[in-house]
Amino acid sequence: MYLELPTDRVFDKISRGRLNTPLRPIRQATDLAEEDFVLDEIQQLVEKAGHEVVILVDACTIRHSVKEEVWELIQRTGFPVYSAPMGKTAISEDYERYGGVCYLSLLLLRLVADAA
């Protein structure tokens, strides 16, 4: 869980009563036409990118309980995999195509250098 507090509220006392209520994610039904559209767009972008495709796994993989689905995507595609710092535990570091943690600042520096 990631908890962000406004800096002006850090020392305020609040009731802990709501902590006794378990969090239950609400899953909405998938719009199949929308899903088909998105998958077609992704397929076109992957084909256009050629061999320059990677999968970046972030904390949303854990938050939305889709680790198994992401793992299946990784296995089926064989694309190299990187993780964002907060998604580090979502993918095994022992996976042969795991490239490590990708810090956005390092990626931006590389993109800027490549563009120059």
N, C-alpha and C. Protein backbone atom coordinates (compact mmCIF):
# COMPACT_ATOMS: atom_id res chain seq x y z
N MET A 1 0.83 -1.16 0.00
CA MET A 1 0.00 0.00 0.00
C MET A 1 0.88 1.23 0.00
N TYR A 2 0.48 2.24 -0.72
CA TYR A 2 1.19 3.51 -0.76
C TYR A 2 0.28 4.54 -0.14
N LEU A 3 0.76 5.24 0.86
CA LEU A 3 -0.04 6.23 1.56
C LEU A 3 0.65 7.57 1.47
N GLU A 4 -0.07 8.54 0.96
CA GLU A 4 0.49 9.88 0.84
C GLU A 4 -0.29 10.80 1.77
N LEU A 5 0.43 11.58 2.56
CA LEU A 5 -0.20 12.51 3.48
C LEU A 5 0.15 13.94 3.09
N PRO A 6 -0.84 14.83 3.11
CA PRO A 6 -0.51 16.24 2.88
C PRO A 6 0.42 16.71 4.00
N THR A 7 1.40 17.50 3.66
CA THR A 7 2.40 17.90 4.65
C THR A 7 1.81 18.69 5.81
N ASP A 8 0.68 19.35 5.59
CA ASP A 8 0.08 20.11 6.69
C ASP A 8 -0.80 19.24 7.59
N ARG A 9 -0.90 17.94 7.31
CA ARG A 9 -1.76 17.04 8.10
C ARG A 9 -0.97 15.92 8.78
N VAL A 10 0.33 15.91 8.66
CA VAL A 10 1.14 14.79 9.13
C VAL A 10 0.95 14.52 10.62
N PHE A 11 0.82 15.53 11.44
CA PHE A 11 0.75 15.33 12.88
C PHE A 11 -0.68 15.36 13.42
N ASP A 12 -1.70 15.48 12.55
CA ASP A 12 -3.09 15.47 13.00
C ASP A 12 -3.47 14.06 13.46
N LYS A 13 -4.27 14.00 14.52
CA LYS A 13 -4.77 12.71 14.99
C LYS A 13 -6.09 12.43 14.29
N ILE A 14 -6.21 11.19 13.81
CA ILE A 14 -7.43 10.79 13.13
C ILE A 14 -7.90 9.45 13.69
N SER A 15 -9.17 9.16 13.50
CA SER A 15 -9.74 7.91 13.98
C SER A 15 -9.18 6.75 13.17
N ARG A 16 -8.95 5.62 13.84
CA ARG A 16 -8.47 4.43 13.14
C ARG A 16 -9.62 3.51 12.77
N GLY A 17 -10.84 3.91 13.04
CA GLY A 17 -12.01 3.07 12.81
C GLY A 17 -12.13 2.54 11.40
N ARG A 18 -11.85 3.36 10.41
CA ARG A 18 -11.99 2.92 9.02
C ARG A 18 -10.94 1.90 8.61
N LEU A 19 -9.87 1.75 9.40
CA LEU A 19 -8.85 0.75 9.10
C LEU A 19 -9.39 -0.67 9.31
N ASN A 20 -10.49 -0.80 10.04
CA ASN A 20 -11.09 -2.11 10.29
C ASN A 20 -11.91 -2.60 9.09
N THR A 21 -12.13 -1.74 8.12
CA THR A 21 -12.90 -2.11 6.93
C THR A 21 -11.94 -2.61 5.86
N PRO A 22 -12.03 -3.89 5.47
CA PRO A 22 -11.10 -4.40 4.45
C PRO A 22 -11.35 -3.74 3.09
N LEU A 23 -10.28 -3.55 2.36
CA LEU A 23 -10.39 -2.99 1.02
C LEU A 23 -10.77 -4.10 0.05
N ARG A 24 -11.77 -3.84 -0.77
CA ARG A 24 -12.20 -4.81 -1.78
C ARG A 24 -12.23 -4.12 -3.13
N PRO A 25 -11.32 -4.49 -4.01
CA PRO A 25 -11.33 -3.86 -5.33
C PRO A 25 -12.60 -4.20 -6.09
N ILE A 26 -13.11 -3.24 -6.81
CA ILE A 26 -14.31 -3.44 -7.62
C ILE A 26 -13.87 -3.67 -9.05
N ARG A 27 -14.21 -4.83 -9.59
CA ARG A 27 -13.85 -5.15 -10.96
C ARG A 27 -15.07 -4.94 -11.85
N GLN A 28 -14.88 -4.12 -12.85
CA GLN A 28 -15.97 -3.86 -13.79
C GLN A 28 -15.86 -4.81 -14.97
N ALA A 29 -16.99 -5.10 -15.57
CA ALA A 29 -17.01 -5.97 -16.74
C ALA A 29 -16.26 -5.29 -17.88
N THR A 30 -15.58 -6.09 -18.68
CA THR A 30 -14.81 -5.58 -19.81
C THR A 30 -15.71 -5.33 -21.01
N ASP A 31 -15.55 -4.17 -21.61
CA ASP A 31 -16.24 -3.87 -22.87
C ASP A 31 -15.43 -4.55 -23.97
N LEU A 32 -15.96 -5.61 -24.56
CA LEU A 32 -15.20 -6.41 -25.53
C LEU A 32 -14.82 -5.62 -26.78
N ALA A 33 -15.67 -4.73 -27.25
CA ALA A 33 -15.34 -3.91 -28.42
C ALA A 33 -14.17 -2.98 -28.10
N GLU A 34 -14.19 -2.41 -26.92
CA GLU A 34 -13.10 -1.54 -26.49
C GLU A 34 -11.81 -2.33 -26.33
N GLU A 35 -11.91 -3.52 -25.77
CA GLU A 35 -10.74 -4.38 -25.60
C GLU A 35 -10.13 -4.74 -26.96
N ASP A 36 -10.97 -5.11 -27.92
CA ASP A 36 -10.48 -5.43 -29.26
C ASP A 36 -9.77 -4.24 -29.89
N PHE A 37 -10.33 -3.05 -29.72
CA PHE A 37 -9.72 -1.84 -30.26
C PHE A 37 -8.33 -1.62 -29.66
N VAL A 38 -8.25 -1.72 -28.35
CA VAL A 38 -6.97 -1.50 -27.65
C VAL A 38 -5.95 -2.55 -28.08
N LEU A 39 -6.35 -3.80 -28.15
CA LEU A 39 -5.42 -4.86 -28.56
C LEU A 39 -4.92 -4.66 -29.99
N ASP A 40 -5.79 -4.22 -30.88
CA ASP A 40 -5.36 -3.92 -32.26
C ASP A 40 -4.34 -2.79 -32.28
N GLU A 41 -4.59 -1.74 -31.48
CA GLU A 41 -3.65 -0.62 -31.42
C GLU A 41 -2.29 -1.08 -30.89
N ILE A 42 -2.30 -1.87 -29.84
CA ILE A 42 -1.05 -2.38 -29.27
C ILE A 42 -0.31 -3.23 -30.28
N GLN A 43 -1.02 -4.10 -30.97
CA GLN A 43 -0.38 -4.96 -31.97
C GLN A 43 0.27 -4.12 -33.07
N GLN A 44 -0.40 -3.09 -33.54
CA GLN A 44 0.18 -2.22 -34.57
C GLN A 44 1.43 -1.52 -34.07
N LEU A 45 1.39 -1.03 -32.83
CA LEU A 45 2.55 -0.34 -32.27
C LEU A 45 3.74 -1.29 -32.08
N VAL A 46 3.46 -2.53 -31.65
CA VAL A 46 4.52 -3.52 -31.47
C VAL A 46 5.15 -3.86 -32.82
N GLU A 47 4.32 -4.06 -33.82
CA GLU A 47 4.85 -4.36 -35.16
C GLU A 47 5.68 -3.20 -35.70
N LYS A 48 5.24 -1.99 -35.46
CA LYS A 48 5.96 -0.80 -35.91
C LYS A 48 7.31 -0.66 -35.19
N ALA A 49 7.34 -1.04 -33.91
CA ALA A 49 8.56 -0.90 -33.11
C ALA A 49 9.60 -1.95 -33.46
N GLY A 50 9.20 -3.04 -34.05
CA GLY A 50 10.16 -4.08 -34.40
C GLY A 50 10.77 -4.72 -33.18
N HIS A 51 12.09 -4.70 -33.10
CA HIS A 51 12.80 -5.35 -32.00
C HIS A 51 13.03 -4.43 -30.81
N GLU A 52 12.44 -3.26 -30.82
CA GLU A 52 12.67 -2.29 -29.74
C GLU A 52 11.49 -2.23 -28.78
N VAL A 53 11.00 -3.39 -28.38
CA VAL A 53 9.87 -3.46 -27.47
C VAL A 53 10.33 -4.07 -26.15
N VAL A 54 9.95 -3.45 -25.05
CA VAL A 54 10.20 -4.00 -23.72
C VAL A 54 8.91 -3.91 -22.92
N ILE A 55 8.83 -4.70 -21.90
CA ILE A 55 7.71 -4.62 -20.97
C ILE A 55 8.23 -3.96 -19.70
N LEU A 56 7.53 -2.92 -19.25
CA LEU A 56 7.87 -2.23 -18.01
C LEU A 56 6.78 -2.55 -16.99
N VAL A 57 7.17 -3.26 -15.94
CA VAL A 57 6.23 -3.69 -14.91
C VAL A 57 6.31 -2.70 -13.75
N ASP A 58 5.15 -2.16 -13.39
CA ASP A 58 5.15 -1.20 -12.29
C ASP A 58 4.24 -1.65 -11.16
N ALA A 59 4.05 -0.79 -10.18
CA ALA A 59 3.27 -1.14 -8.99
C ALA A 59 1.82 -1.48 -9.30
N CYS A 60 1.29 -1.00 -10.40
CA CYS A 60 -0.11 -1.30 -10.74
C CYS A 60 -0.31 -2.80 -10.98
N THR A 61 0.73 -3.49 -11.38
CA THR A 61 0.65 -4.94 -11.56
C THR A 61 0.27 -5.60 -10.25
N ILE A 62 0.85 -5.14 -9.18
CA ILE A 62 0.57 -5.68 -7.85
C ILE A 62 -0.77 -5.14 -7.35
N ARG A 63 -0.96 -3.84 -7.46
CA ARG A 63 -2.17 -3.19 -6.94
C ARG A 63 -3.45 -3.78 -7.53
N HIS A 64 -3.41 -4.11 -8.82
CA HIS A 64 -4.61 -4.61 -9.48
C HIS A 64 -4.64 -6.14 -9.61
N SER A 65 -3.74 -6.79 -8.89
CA SER A 65 -3.70 -8.26 -8.81
C SER A 65 -3.66 -8.93 -10.19
N VAL A 66 -2.73 -8.47 -11.03
CA VAL A 66 -2.61 -9.04 -12.37
C VAL A 66 -1.21 -9.63 -12.62
N LYS A 67 -0.55 -10.05 -11.56
CA LYS A 67 0.79 -10.62 -11.72
C LYS A 67 0.78 -11.84 -12.62
N GLU A 68 -0.21 -12.70 -12.47
CA GLU A 68 -0.27 -13.91 -13.31
C GLU A 68 -0.48 -13.55 -14.78
N GLU A 69 -1.35 -12.59 -15.05
CA GLU A 69 -1.61 -12.16 -16.42
C GLU A 69 -0.37 -11.53 -17.05
N VAL A 70 0.34 -10.73 -16.26
CA VAL A 70 1.57 -10.09 -16.77
C VAL A 70 2.62 -11.15 -17.05
N TRP A 71 2.74 -12.13 -16.16
CA TRP A 71 3.71 -13.21 -16.37
C TRP A 71 3.39 -13.98 -17.64
N GLU A 72 2.10 -14.22 -17.89
CA GLU A 72 1.71 -14.91 -19.12
C GLU A 72 2.07 -14.08 -20.35
N LEU A 73 1.85 -12.78 -20.28
CA LEU A 73 2.23 -11.89 -21.39
C LEU A 73 3.74 -11.94 -21.64
N ILE A 74 4.50 -11.92 -20.57
CA ILE A 74 5.96 -11.97 -20.67
C ILE A 74 6.41 -13.27 -21.33
N GLN A 75 5.84 -14.37 -20.89
CA GLN A 75 6.22 -15.67 -21.45
C GLN A 75 5.81 -15.81 -22.91
N ARG A 76 4.64 -15.34 -23.25
CA ARG A 76 4.16 -15.48 -24.62
C ARG A 76 4.91 -14.60 -25.60
N THR A 77 5.29 -13.41 -25.17
CA THR A 77 5.96 -12.48 -26.09
C THR A 77 7.47 -12.68 -26.13
N GLY A 78 8.05 -13.04 -24.98
CA GLY A 78 9.50 -13.15 -24.92
C GLY A 78 10.20 -11.81 -24.91
N PHE A 79 9.45 -10.72 -24.73
CA PHE A 79 10.06 -9.38 -24.70
C PHE A 79 10.92 -9.22 -23.45
N PRO A 80 11.97 -8.40 -23.54
CA PRO A 80 12.74 -8.08 -22.33
C PRO A 80 11.83 -7.38 -21.32
N VAL A 81 12.14 -7.56 -20.05
CA VAL A 81 11.30 -7.02 -18.98
C VAL A 81 12.14 -6.18 -18.03
N TYR A 82 11.60 -5.04 -17.67
CA TYR A 82 12.20 -4.17 -16.66
C TYR A 82 11.11 -3.86 -15.64
N SER A 83 11.52 -3.44 -14.46
CA SER A 83 10.51 -3.05 -13.48
C SER A 83 10.78 -1.63 -13.02
N ALA A 84 9.70 -0.94 -12.71
CA ALA A 84 9.82 0.35 -12.06
C ALA A 84 10.15 0.07 -10.59
N PRO A 85 10.71 1.03 -9.87
CA PRO A 85 11.11 0.75 -8.49
C PRO A 85 9.99 0.15 -7.63
N MET A 86 8.77 0.64 -7.75
CA MET A 86 7.70 0.12 -6.91
C MET A 86 7.09 -1.16 -7.47
N GLY A 87 7.51 -1.59 -8.65
CA GLY A 87 7.02 -2.85 -9.21
C GLY A 87 8.06 -3.94 -9.13
N LYS A 88 9.11 -3.68 -8.39
CA LYS A 88 10.26 -4.58 -8.35
C LYS A 88 9.91 -6.01 -7.97
N THR A 89 8.98 -6.23 -7.09
CA THR A 89 8.65 -7.58 -6.64
C THR A 89 7.61 -8.27 -7.53
N ALA A 90 7.14 -7.60 -8.55
CA ALA A 90 6.10 -8.18 -9.41
C ALA A 90 6.65 -9.19 -10.40
N ILE A 91 7.95 -9.17 -10.64
CA ILE A 91 8.56 -10.08 -11.61
C ILE A 91 9.83 -10.68 -10.99
N SER A 92 10.06 -11.93 -11.24
CA SER A 92 11.24 -12.59 -10.68
C SER A 92 12.51 -12.04 -11.30
N GLU A 93 13.46 -11.70 -10.47
CA GLU A 93 14.74 -11.21 -10.95
C GLU A 93 15.57 -12.34 -11.57
N ASP A 94 15.12 -13.56 -11.40
CA ASP A 94 15.81 -14.71 -12.00
C ASP A 94 15.40 -14.96 -13.44
N TYR A 95 14.36 -14.28 -13.90
CA TYR A 95 13.90 -14.47 -15.28
C TYR A 95 15.02 -14.05 -16.23
N GLU A 96 15.31 -14.89 -17.21
CA GLU A 96 16.46 -14.68 -18.10
C GLU A 96 16.41 -13.37 -18.88
N ARG A 97 15.24 -12.82 -19.13
CA ARG A 97 15.13 -11.59 -19.91
C ARG A 97 14.86 -10.38 -19.02
N TYR A 98 15.03 -10.55 -17.70
CA TYR A 98 14.83 -9.44 -16.77
C TYR A 98 16.03 -8.52 -16.82
N GLY A 99 15.78 -7.26 -17.09
CA GLY A 99 16.88 -6.31 -17.24
C GLY A 99 17.16 -5.45 -16.03
N GLY A 100 16.35 -5.59 -14.98
CA GLY A 100 16.59 -4.83 -13.76
C GLY A 100 15.56 -3.74 -13.56
N VAL A 101 15.87 -2.87 -12.61
CA VAL A 101 14.98 -1.77 -12.27
C VAL A 101 15.29 -0.59 -13.19
N CYS A 102 14.25 -0.04 -13.75
CA CYS A 102 14.40 1.10 -14.66
C CYS A 102 13.96 2.36 -13.94
N TYR A 103 14.90 3.21 -13.65
CA TYR A 103 14.58 4.48 -13.03
C TYR A 103 14.29 5.49 -14.12
N LEU A 104 13.18 6.16 -14.01
CA LEU A 104 12.73 7.08 -15.04
C LEU A 104 13.78 8.12 -15.36
N SER A 105 14.47 8.63 -14.35
CA SER A 105 15.47 9.66 -14.60
C SER A 105 16.59 9.13 -15.51
N LEU A 106 16.99 7.88 -15.33
CA LEU A 106 18.02 7.30 -16.20
C LEU A 106 17.51 7.12 -17.61
N LEU A 107 16.25 6.71 -17.74
CA LEU A 107 15.65 6.54 -19.06
C LEU A 107 15.57 7.88 -19.78
N LEU A 108 15.17 8.91 -19.06
CA LEU A 108 15.07 10.25 -19.68
C LEU A 108 16.44 10.75 -20.13
N LEU A 109 17.45 10.52 -19.31
CA LEU A 109 18.80 10.95 -19.69
C LEU A 109 19.23 10.26 -20.99
N ARG A 110 18.92 8.97 -21.10
CA ARG A 110 19.27 8.22 -22.32
C ARG A 110 18.51 8.75 -23.52
N LEU A 111 17.22 9.02 -23.34
CA LEU A 111 16.42 9.54 -24.45
C LEU A 111 16.92 10.91 -24.91
N VAL A 112 17.29 11.74 -23.97
CA VAL A 112 17.83 13.06 -24.31
C VAL A 112 19.16 12.92 -25.04
N ALA A 113 20.02 12.02 -24.55
CA ALA A 113 21.32 11.82 -25.20
C ALA A 113 21.14 11.26 -26.61
N ASP A 114 20.19 10.33 -26.78
CA ASP A 114 19.94 9.76 -28.10
C ASP A 114 19.39 10.78 -29.08
N ALA A 115 18.63 11.73 -28.57
CA ALA A 115 18.00 12.74 -29.42
C ALA A 115 18.99 13.81 -29.85
N ALA A 116 20.07 13.97 -29.09
CA ALA A 116 21.04 15.04 -29.38
C ALA A 116 21.92 14.71 -30.58
